[in-house]
Amino acid sequence: MHCQCFPLELHWQWKREFFGVGLLIVAIGAFVLAAAAQMQHLVIGLIGMAIAGCANGVLNPQLTARIVGSVRREQAGAASAISVILRQGGFAIGIAIFGAVLRTSLEQPNSILTGSNVFTTIFAIAAIAALVGSAAVFVLIGRHSSDRELPSPAAVSCMDDDSQGKARSG
């Protein structure tokens, strides 16, 4: 039985630097978006979206690969589904909060959060959340655990399946 693994997963082996730096780049993109909102500058906003979007585009598949790779093969579908549901739920909750804050700011003209300040504040909060996440990755995932060259759980699962298949046929 052949095990297919994601190329970056094999190379990085859940290194904290990959996810920590990735979240740091997301934070930079969010800070650029906050600055663009404050300056009301479309091109800078597009640059911020590109930075954050590219970082998310690289991080999300690797995160899913690590989640799916950390469970037994029989549970891979459930792990993948839970990962997708939580991600989509986060999108939905984030959009709902953003909409609620925006509506409140429009209904209360004396609010601190009016006009571009709403967007500046929301993107700054997102950037701070990404920075906190990045710091958490560096603090909570030990340096030594990321340096070990152990096979990924998915590869171990595939090896177990291969050895069982050979034992049955031999």
N, C-alpha and C. Protein backbone atom coordinates (compact mmCIF):
# COMPACT_ATOMS: atom_id res chain seq x y z
N MET A 1 0.85 -1.18 0.00
CA MET A 1 0.00 0.00 0.00
C MET A 1 0.89 1.24 0.00
N HIS A 2 0.63 2.16 -0.89
CA HIS A 2 1.46 3.35 -1.04
C HIS A 2 0.87 4.50 -0.22
N CYS A 3 1.71 5.17 0.52
CA CYS A 3 1.26 6.30 1.35
C CYS A 3 1.62 7.60 0.65
N GLN A 4 0.64 8.43 0.41
CA GLN A 4 0.90 9.74 -0.19
C GLN A 4 0.95 10.77 0.93
N CYS A 5 2.02 11.55 0.97
CA CYS A 5 2.18 12.58 1.98
C CYS A 5 2.35 13.92 1.28
N PHE A 6 2.01 14.97 1.97
CA PHE A 6 2.15 16.30 1.42
C PHE A 6 3.63 16.69 1.45
N PRO A 7 4.16 17.26 0.34
CA PRO A 7 5.59 17.56 0.28
C PRO A 7 6.09 18.45 1.41
N LEU A 8 5.36 19.53 1.74
CA LEU A 8 5.83 20.41 2.80
C LEU A 8 5.75 19.73 4.16
N GLU A 9 4.76 18.85 4.33
CA GLU A 9 4.64 18.13 5.59
C GLU A 9 5.87 17.27 5.81
N LEU A 10 6.33 16.58 4.77
CA LEU A 10 7.52 15.75 4.90
C LEU A 10 8.74 16.60 5.24
N HIS A 11 8.85 17.74 4.58
CA HIS A 11 10.02 18.59 4.79
C HIS A 11 10.00 19.25 6.16
N TRP A 12 8.89 19.79 6.56
CA TRP A 12 8.83 20.57 7.79
C TRP A 12 8.61 19.73 9.04
N GLN A 13 7.95 18.58 8.93
CA GLN A 13 7.71 17.71 10.07
C GLN A 13 7.19 18.48 11.29
N TRP A 14 6.17 19.30 11.07
CA TRP A 14 5.50 20.05 12.13
C TRP A 14 6.49 20.95 12.87
N LYS A 15 7.33 21.62 12.12
CA LYS A 15 8.26 22.54 12.75
C LYS A 15 7.52 23.79 13.17
N ARG A 16 7.80 24.23 14.35
CA ARG A 16 7.12 25.40 14.88
C ARG A 16 7.44 26.64 14.05
N GLU A 17 8.61 26.65 13.43
CA GLU A 17 8.97 27.82 12.64
C GLU A 17 8.01 28.02 11.47
N PHE A 18 7.58 26.94 10.85
CA PHE A 18 6.69 27.03 9.69
C PHE A 18 5.38 27.71 10.09
N PHE A 19 4.74 27.21 11.15
CA PHE A 19 3.46 27.76 11.56
C PHE A 19 3.61 29.08 12.29
N GLY A 20 4.66 29.23 13.08
CA GLY A 20 4.88 30.50 13.78
C GLY A 20 5.15 31.65 12.82
N VAL A 21 6.03 31.41 11.86
CA VAL A 21 6.34 32.46 10.88
C VAL A 21 5.14 32.68 9.96
N GLY A 22 4.42 31.61 9.63
CA GLY A 22 3.22 31.75 8.80
C GLY A 22 2.18 32.67 9.45
N LEU A 23 1.95 32.46 10.75
CA LEU A 23 1.01 33.33 11.46
C LEU A 23 1.55 34.75 11.57
N LEU A 24 2.84 34.89 11.68
CA LEU A 24 3.45 36.22 11.71
C LEU A 24 3.20 36.95 10.38
N ILE A 25 3.29 36.23 9.28
CA ILE A 25 3.02 36.84 7.97
C ILE A 25 1.55 37.21 7.84
N VAL A 26 0.66 36.37 8.38
CA VAL A 26 -0.77 36.72 8.40
C VAL A 26 -0.96 38.02 9.19
N ALA A 27 -0.28 38.15 10.33
CA ALA A 27 -0.37 39.36 11.15
C ALA A 27 0.11 40.58 10.38
N ILE A 28 1.19 40.43 9.65
CA ILE A 28 1.71 41.55 8.84
C ILE A 28 0.66 41.97 7.81
N GLY A 29 0.05 40.98 7.14
CA GLY A 29 -1.01 41.30 6.18
C GLY A 29 -2.17 42.03 6.82
N ALA A 30 -2.56 41.59 8.03
CA ALA A 30 -3.67 42.25 8.72
C ALA A 30 -3.29 43.67 9.15
N PHE A 31 -2.05 43.88 9.59
CA PHE A 31 -1.60 45.23 9.94
C PHE A 31 -1.58 46.13 8.70
N VAL A 32 -1.18 45.59 7.56
CA VAL A 32 -1.20 46.37 6.32
C VAL A 32 -2.64 46.74 5.98
N LEU A 33 -3.58 45.81 6.18
CA LEU A 33 -4.99 46.11 5.94
C LEU A 33 -5.49 47.20 6.89
N ALA A 34 -5.07 47.15 8.15
CA ALA A 34 -5.46 48.18 9.11
C ALA A 34 -4.93 49.55 8.68
N ALA A 35 -3.68 49.59 8.23
CA ALA A 35 -3.09 50.85 7.77
C ALA A 35 -3.82 51.35 6.53
N ALA A 36 -4.15 50.43 5.62
CA ALA A 36 -4.87 50.82 4.40
C ALA A 36 -6.25 51.38 4.74
N ALA A 37 -6.91 50.78 5.72
CA ALA A 37 -8.22 51.29 6.12
C ALA A 37 -8.09 52.68 6.72
N GLN A 38 -7.06 52.88 7.51
CA GLN A 38 -6.87 54.20 8.13
C GLN A 38 -6.57 55.26 7.07
N MET A 39 -5.74 54.89 6.08
CA MET A 39 -5.38 55.84 5.02
C MET A 39 -6.42 55.88 3.90
N GLN A 40 -7.36 54.92 3.93
CA GLN A 40 -8.36 54.76 2.87
C GLN A 40 -7.68 54.64 1.51
N HIS A 41 -6.77 53.68 1.44
CA HIS A 41 -5.96 53.47 0.24
C HIS A 41 -6.21 52.06 -0.30
N LEU A 42 -6.83 51.97 -1.46
CA LEU A 42 -7.23 50.69 -2.04
C LEU A 42 -6.04 49.79 -2.39
N VAL A 43 -5.02 50.33 -3.01
CA VAL A 43 -3.89 49.51 -3.45
C VAL A 43 -3.17 48.89 -2.24
N ILE A 44 -2.97 49.66 -1.21
CA ILE A 44 -2.33 49.11 0.00
C ILE A 44 -3.23 48.04 0.61
N GLY A 45 -4.53 48.24 0.57
CA GLY A 45 -5.47 47.22 1.06
C GLY A 45 -5.36 45.93 0.27
N LEU A 46 -5.22 46.04 -1.04
CA LEU A 46 -5.06 44.85 -1.87
C LEU A 46 -3.74 44.13 -1.57
N ILE A 47 -2.70 44.90 -1.29
CA ILE A 47 -1.41 44.29 -0.92
C ILE A 47 -1.55 43.54 0.40
N GLY A 48 -2.23 44.14 1.37
CA GLY A 48 -2.46 43.47 2.66
C GLY A 48 -3.26 42.19 2.49
N MET A 49 -4.29 42.23 1.62
CA MET A 49 -5.08 41.02 1.36
C MET A 49 -4.22 39.94 0.72
N ALA A 50 -3.34 40.33 -0.20
CA ALA A 50 -2.47 39.36 -0.86
C ALA A 50 -1.51 38.72 0.14
N ILE A 51 -0.94 39.53 1.03
CA ILE A 51 0.00 39.00 2.02
C ILE A 51 -0.70 38.01 2.94
N ALA A 52 -1.81 38.42 3.53
CA ALA A 52 -2.54 37.55 4.46
C ALA A 52 -3.11 36.34 3.74
N GLY A 53 -3.63 36.54 2.54
CA GLY A 53 -4.22 35.44 1.78
C GLY A 53 -3.20 34.39 1.37
N CYS A 54 -2.03 34.83 0.93
CA CYS A 54 -0.98 33.87 0.55
C CYS A 54 -0.50 33.07 1.76
N ALA A 55 -0.33 33.75 2.88
CA ALA A 55 0.09 33.03 4.09
C ALA A 55 -0.96 32.02 4.52
N ASN A 56 -2.23 32.41 4.48
CA ASN A 56 -3.30 31.47 4.83
C ASN A 56 -3.36 30.32 3.83
N GLY A 57 -3.14 30.63 2.57
CA GLY A 57 -3.16 29.59 1.54
C GLY A 57 -2.09 28.54 1.73
N VAL A 58 -0.96 28.92 2.30
CA VAL A 58 0.11 27.96 2.57
C VAL A 58 -0.14 27.23 3.90
N LEU A 59 -0.66 27.94 4.89
CA LEU A 59 -0.84 27.35 6.21
C LEU A 59 -2.00 26.35 6.28
N ASN A 60 -3.14 26.68 5.67
CA ASN A 60 -4.33 25.84 5.83
C ASN A 60 -4.14 24.40 5.36
N PRO A 61 -3.59 24.15 4.18
CA PRO A 61 -3.42 22.74 3.79
C PRO A 61 -2.45 21.99 4.70
N GLN A 62 -1.40 22.67 5.16
CA GLN A 62 -0.44 22.00 6.03
C GLN A 62 -1.05 21.70 7.39
N LEU A 63 -1.88 22.61 7.88
CA LEU A 63 -2.55 22.37 9.16
C LEU A 63 -3.50 21.18 9.04
N THR A 64 -4.25 21.14 7.96
CA THR A 64 -5.15 20.01 7.74
C THR A 64 -4.36 18.71 7.61
N ALA A 65 -3.24 18.75 6.91
CA ALA A 65 -2.41 17.56 6.77
C ALA A 65 -1.92 17.07 8.13
N ARG A 66 -1.52 17.98 9.00
CA ARG A 66 -1.06 17.58 10.33
C ARG A 66 -2.20 17.02 11.17
N ILE A 67 -3.38 17.62 11.04
CA ILE A 67 -4.54 17.12 11.80
C ILE A 67 -4.89 15.71 11.33
N VAL A 68 -5.01 15.53 10.04
CA VAL A 68 -5.37 14.22 9.49
C VAL A 68 -4.26 13.21 9.75
N GLY A 69 -3.02 13.65 9.68
CA GLY A 69 -1.89 12.76 9.90
C GLY A 69 -1.69 12.35 11.35
N SER A 70 -2.38 13.01 12.26
CA SER A 70 -2.18 12.71 13.68
C SER A 70 -3.18 11.69 14.21
N VAL A 71 -4.06 11.20 13.36
CA VAL A 71 -5.04 10.20 13.78
C VAL A 71 -4.85 8.92 12.98
N ARG A 72 -5.48 7.84 13.45
CA ARG A 72 -5.41 6.59 12.72
C ARG A 72 -6.12 6.73 11.39
N ARG A 73 -5.73 5.92 10.45
CA ARG A 73 -6.26 5.97 9.09
C ARG A 73 -7.79 5.90 9.07
N GLU A 74 -8.39 5.07 9.94
CA GLU A 74 -9.84 4.93 9.97
C GLU A 74 -10.54 6.23 10.40
N GLN A 75 -9.84 7.08 11.11
CA GLN A 75 -10.42 8.32 11.61
C GLN A 75 -10.05 9.55 10.78
N ALA A 76 -9.34 9.33 9.69
CA ALA A 76 -8.86 10.46 8.89
C ALA A 76 -10.01 11.28 8.31
N GLY A 77 -11.07 10.62 7.84
CA GLY A 77 -12.21 11.35 7.28
C GLY A 77 -12.89 12.23 8.31
N ALA A 78 -13.08 11.69 9.51
CA ALA A 78 -13.71 12.46 10.58
C ALA A 78 -12.83 13.64 10.99
N ALA A 79 -11.52 13.40 11.09
CA ALA A 79 -10.60 14.49 11.46
C ALA A 79 -10.61 15.59 10.41
N SER A 80 -10.61 15.21 9.15
CA SER A 80 -10.66 16.19 8.07
C SER A 80 -11.96 16.98 8.12
N ALA A 81 -13.07 16.29 8.35
CA ALA A 81 -14.37 16.95 8.41
C ALA A 81 -14.43 17.94 9.57
N ILE A 82 -13.92 17.53 10.72
CA ILE A 82 -13.93 18.43 11.88
C ILE A 82 -13.07 19.66 11.60
N SER A 83 -11.93 19.46 10.96
CA SER A 83 -11.06 20.58 10.61
C SER A 83 -11.78 21.57 9.69
N VAL A 84 -12.46 21.05 8.68
CA VAL A 84 -13.18 21.91 7.74
C VAL A 84 -14.34 22.63 8.44
N ILE A 85 -15.07 21.90 9.27
CA ILE A 85 -16.21 22.50 9.97
C ILE A 85 -15.75 23.63 10.89
N LEU A 86 -14.66 23.40 11.62
CA LEU A 86 -14.16 24.45 12.52
C LEU A 86 -13.65 25.65 11.75
N ARG A 87 -12.99 25.41 10.62
CA ARG A 87 -12.50 26.53 9.81
C ARG A 87 -13.67 27.34 9.27
N GLN A 88 -14.66 26.66 8.70
CA GLN A 88 -15.82 27.35 8.14
C GLN A 88 -16.62 28.06 9.24
N GLY A 89 -16.71 27.42 10.41
CA GLY A 89 -17.38 28.05 11.55
C GLY A 89 -16.66 29.33 11.98
N GLY A 90 -15.34 29.29 11.95
CA GLY A 90 -14.56 30.49 12.28
C GLY A 90 -14.80 31.61 11.28
N PHE A 91 -14.88 31.24 9.99
CA PHE A 91 -15.20 32.25 8.98
C PHE A 91 -16.57 32.87 9.26
N ALA A 92 -17.55 32.02 9.52
CA ALA A 92 -18.92 32.50 9.74
C ALA A 92 -19.01 33.39 10.98
N ILE A 93 -18.37 32.97 12.06
CA ILE A 93 -18.39 33.77 13.29
C ILE A 93 -17.66 35.09 13.08
N GLY A 94 -16.52 35.04 12.40
CA GLY A 94 -15.77 36.28 12.13
C GLY A 94 -16.56 37.27 11.30
N ILE A 95 -17.24 36.78 10.27
CA ILE A 95 -18.06 37.66 9.43
C ILE A 95 -19.22 38.22 10.23
N ALA A 96 -19.83 37.40 11.07
CA ALA A 96 -20.96 37.87 11.89
C ALA A 96 -20.51 38.96 12.87
N ILE A 97 -19.38 38.75 13.51
CA ILE A 97 -18.86 39.76 14.44
C ILE A 97 -18.52 41.04 13.69
N PHE A 98 -17.87 40.90 12.54
CA PHE A 98 -17.51 42.06 11.73
C PHE A 98 -18.77 42.83 11.34
N GLY A 99 -19.80 42.13 10.89
CA GLY A 99 -21.06 42.77 10.52
C GLY A 99 -21.74 43.45 11.69
N ALA A 100 -21.71 42.81 12.86
CA ALA A 100 -22.34 43.40 14.05
C ALA A 100 -21.62 44.68 14.47
N VAL A 101 -20.29 44.64 14.45
CA VAL A 101 -19.52 45.84 14.82
C VAL A 101 -19.76 46.95 13.81
N LEU A 102 -19.77 46.61 12.54
CA LEU A 102 -20.00 47.62 11.51
C LEU A 102 -21.39 48.23 11.64
N ARG A 103 -22.41 47.40 11.86
CA ARG A 103 -23.78 47.91 11.99
C ARG A 103 -23.91 48.81 13.21
N THR A 104 -23.32 48.38 14.33
CA THR A 104 -23.36 49.18 15.55
C THR A 104 -22.70 50.53 15.33
N SER A 105 -21.59 50.54 14.62
CA SER A 105 -20.89 51.80 14.38
C SER A 105 -21.70 52.72 13.48
N LEU A 106 -22.46 52.15 12.56
CA LEU A 106 -23.28 52.98 11.68
C LEU A 106 -24.52 53.53 12.40
N GLU A 107 -25.04 52.76 13.35
CA GLU A 107 -26.24 53.18 14.08
C GLU A 107 -25.93 54.18 15.19
N GLN A 108 -24.70 54.20 15.66
CA GLN A 108 -24.31 55.11 16.74
C GLN A 108 -23.25 56.08 16.22
N PRO A 109 -23.68 57.21 15.69
CA PRO A 109 -22.73 58.14 15.08
C PRO A 109 -21.69 58.71 16.05
N ASN A 110 -21.97 58.71 17.35
CA ASN A 110 -21.02 59.25 18.32
C ASN A 110 -20.01 58.21 18.79
N SER A 111 -20.08 57.03 18.22
CA SER A 111 -19.18 55.94 18.61
C SER A 111 -17.75 56.25 18.18
N ILE A 112 -16.82 55.68 18.91
CA ILE A 112 -15.40 55.82 18.55
C ILE A 112 -15.16 55.13 17.21
N LEU A 113 -15.87 54.03 16.98
CA LEU A 113 -15.69 53.24 15.78
C LEU A 113 -16.61 53.75 14.68
N THR A 114 -16.20 54.80 14.01
CA THR A 114 -16.98 55.31 12.89
C THR A 114 -16.11 55.34 11.64
N GLY A 115 -16.74 55.21 10.50
CA GLY A 115 -16.03 55.30 9.23
C GLY A 115 -14.92 54.29 9.11
N SER A 116 -13.75 54.76 8.70
CA SER A 116 -12.62 53.85 8.48
C SER A 116 -12.05 53.33 9.79
N ASN A 117 -12.39 53.97 10.93
CA ASN A 117 -11.90 53.49 12.22
C ASN A 117 -12.39 52.07 12.52
N VAL A 118 -13.59 51.73 12.04
CA VAL A 118 -14.12 50.38 12.25
C VAL A 118 -13.20 49.37 11.60
N PHE A 119 -12.88 49.58 10.36
CA PHE A 119 -12.02 48.66 9.64
C PHE A 119 -10.62 48.63 10.23
N THR A 120 -10.09 49.79 10.57
CA THR A 120 -8.76 49.86 11.17
C THR A 120 -8.73 49.04 12.45
N THR A 121 -9.72 49.23 13.30
CA THR A 121 -9.77 48.52 14.58
C THR A 121 -9.91 47.01 14.38
N ILE A 122 -10.82 46.61 13.51
CA ILE A 122 -11.05 45.17 13.30
C ILE A 122 -9.81 44.50 12.72
N PHE A 123 -9.17 45.11 11.74
CA PHE A 123 -7.98 44.50 11.16
C PHE A 123 -6.82 44.52 12.15
N ALA A 124 -6.74 45.55 12.99
CA ALA A 124 -5.69 45.58 14.02
C ALA A 124 -5.92 44.47 15.05
N ILE A 125 -7.17 44.23 15.41
CA ILE A 125 -7.48 43.13 16.35
C ILE A 125 -7.12 41.79 15.71
N ALA A 126 -7.44 41.62 14.44
CA ALA A 126 -7.08 40.38 13.73
C ALA A 126 -5.56 40.20 13.70
N ALA A 127 -4.84 41.28 13.47
CA ALA A 127 -3.37 41.20 13.45
C ALA A 127 -2.83 40.82 14.83
N ILE A 128 -3.39 41.41 15.87
CA ILE A 128 -2.94 41.08 17.23
C ILE A 128 -3.25 39.62 17.54
N ALA A 129 -4.43 39.14 17.12
CA ALA A 129 -4.78 37.73 17.35
C ALA A 129 -3.79 36.81 16.63
N ALA A 130 -3.39 37.17 15.41
CA ALA A 130 -2.42 36.35 14.68
C ALA A 130 -1.05 36.41 15.36
N LEU A 131 -0.68 37.57 15.88
CA LEU A 131 0.59 37.67 16.62
C LEU A 131 0.57 36.82 17.88
N VAL A 132 -0.55 36.83 18.59
CA VAL A 132 -0.69 36.00 19.80
C VAL A 132 -0.59 34.52 19.41
N GLY A 133 -1.24 34.15 18.31
CA GLY A 133 -1.15 32.77 17.83
C GLY A 133 0.26 32.38 17.47
N SER A 134 0.96 33.28 16.81
CA SER A 134 2.36 33.02 16.44
C SER A 134 3.22 32.84 17.69
N ALA A 135 3.04 33.72 18.66
CA ALA A 135 3.81 33.60 19.91
C ALA A 135 3.46 32.29 20.62
N ALA A 136 2.19 31.91 20.60
CA ALA A 136 1.78 30.66 21.25
C ALA A 136 2.44 29.46 20.58
N VAL A 137 2.56 29.49 19.26
CA VAL A 137 3.22 28.39 18.56
C VAL A 137 4.68 28.29 19.01
N PHE A 138 5.36 29.41 19.08
CA PHE A 138 6.78 29.38 19.47
C PHE A 138 6.96 28.97 20.93
N VAL A 139 6.03 29.35 21.80
CA VAL A 139 6.16 29.02 23.22
C VAL A 139 5.70 27.60 23.51
N LEU A 140 4.58 27.19 22.92
CA LEU A 140 3.97 25.91 23.29
C LEU A 140 4.55 24.71 22.56
N ILE A 141 5.10 24.90 21.38
CA ILE A 141 5.71 23.79 20.67
C ILE A 141 7.20 23.87 20.92
N GLY A 142 7.72 22.92 21.67
CA GLY A 142 9.12 22.94 22.08
C GLY A 142 10.07 22.85 20.92
N ARG A 143 11.21 23.50 21.06
CA ARG A 143 12.23 23.49 20.01
C ARG A 143 12.73 22.06 19.77
N HIS A 144 12.93 21.31 20.80
CA HIS A 144 13.48 19.97 20.64
C HIS A 144 12.50 19.03 19.96
N SER A 145 11.22 19.19 20.23
CA SER A 145 10.25 18.29 19.60
C SER A 145 10.16 18.55 18.11
N SER A 146 10.46 19.77 17.67
CA SER A 146 10.37 20.05 16.24
C SER A 146 11.63 19.62 15.50
N ASP A 147 12.73 19.41 16.22
CA ASP A 147 13.98 19.04 15.57
C ASP A 147 14.11 17.54 15.35
N ARG A 148 13.31 16.75 16.03
CA ARG A 148 13.40 15.30 15.87
C ARG A 148 12.94 14.91 14.48
N GLU A 149 13.61 13.98 13.89
CA GLU A 149 13.25 13.50 12.57
C GLU A 149 12.46 12.21 12.70
N LEU A 150 11.23 12.31 13.20
CA LEU A 150 10.36 11.16 13.34
C LEU A 150 9.43 11.11 12.15
N PRO A 151 9.02 9.92 11.73
CA PRO A 151 8.05 9.86 10.64
C PRO A 151 6.72 10.43 11.10
N SER A 152 5.97 11.00 10.17
CA SER A 152 4.67 11.55 10.51
C SER A 152 3.73 10.41 10.88
N PRO A 153 2.69 10.68 11.71
CA PRO A 153 1.74 9.63 12.07
C PRO A 153 1.10 8.98 10.85
N ALA A 154 0.86 9.74 9.78
CA ALA A 154 0.27 9.16 8.57
C ALA A 154 1.22 8.16 7.94
N ALA A 155 2.51 8.48 7.92
CA ALA A 155 3.50 7.57 7.35
C ALA A 155 3.61 6.31 8.21
N VAL A 156 3.54 6.46 9.54
CA VAL A 156 3.58 5.30 10.42
C VAL A 156 2.38 4.42 10.16
N SER A 157 1.21 5.04 10.02
CA SER A 157 -0.01 4.29 9.74
C SER A 157 0.13 3.51 8.44
N CYS A 158 0.71 4.14 7.41
CA CYS A 158 0.90 3.47 6.13
C CYS A 158 1.89 2.33 6.27
N MET A 159 2.95 2.53 7.06
CA MET A 159 3.93 1.46 7.26
C MET A 159 3.28 0.29 7.98
N ASP A 160 2.43 0.58 8.98
CA ASP A 160 1.75 -0.49 9.69
C ASP A 160 0.87 -1.29 8.75
N ASP A 161 0.15 -0.61 7.85
CA ASP A 161 -0.71 -1.29 6.90
C ASP A 161 0.11 -2.17 5.96
N ASP A 162 1.27 -1.67 5.52
CA ASP A 162 2.13 -2.44 4.62
C ASP A 162 2.65 -3.69 5.32
N SER A 163 3.10 -3.56 6.57
CA SER A 163 3.65 -4.70 7.26
C SER A 163 2.58 -5.74 7.56
N GLN A 164 1.35 -5.29 7.84
CA GLN A 164 0.26 -6.23 8.08
C GLN A 164 -0.10 -6.96 6.79
N GLY A 165 -0.09 -6.25 5.69
CA GLY A 165 -0.42 -6.86 4.40
C GLY A 165 0.61 -7.91 4.02
N LYS A 166 1.91 -7.63 4.27
CA LYS A 166 2.96 -8.59 3.97
C LYS A 166 2.86 -9.81 4.86
N ALA A 167 2.50 -9.57 6.15
CA ALA A 167 2.40 -10.69 7.09
C ALA A 167 1.24 -11.62 6.69
N ARG A 168 0.14 -11.04 6.21
CA ARG A 168 -1.00 -11.85 5.80
C ARG A 168 -0.69 -12.65 4.55
N SER A 169 0.02 -12.02 3.60
CA SER A 169 0.28 -12.71 2.34
C SER A 169 1.43 -13.71 2.46
N GLY A 170 2.31 -13.53 3.44
CA GLY A 170 3.49 -14.39 3.54
C GLY A 170 3.27 -15.46 4.48
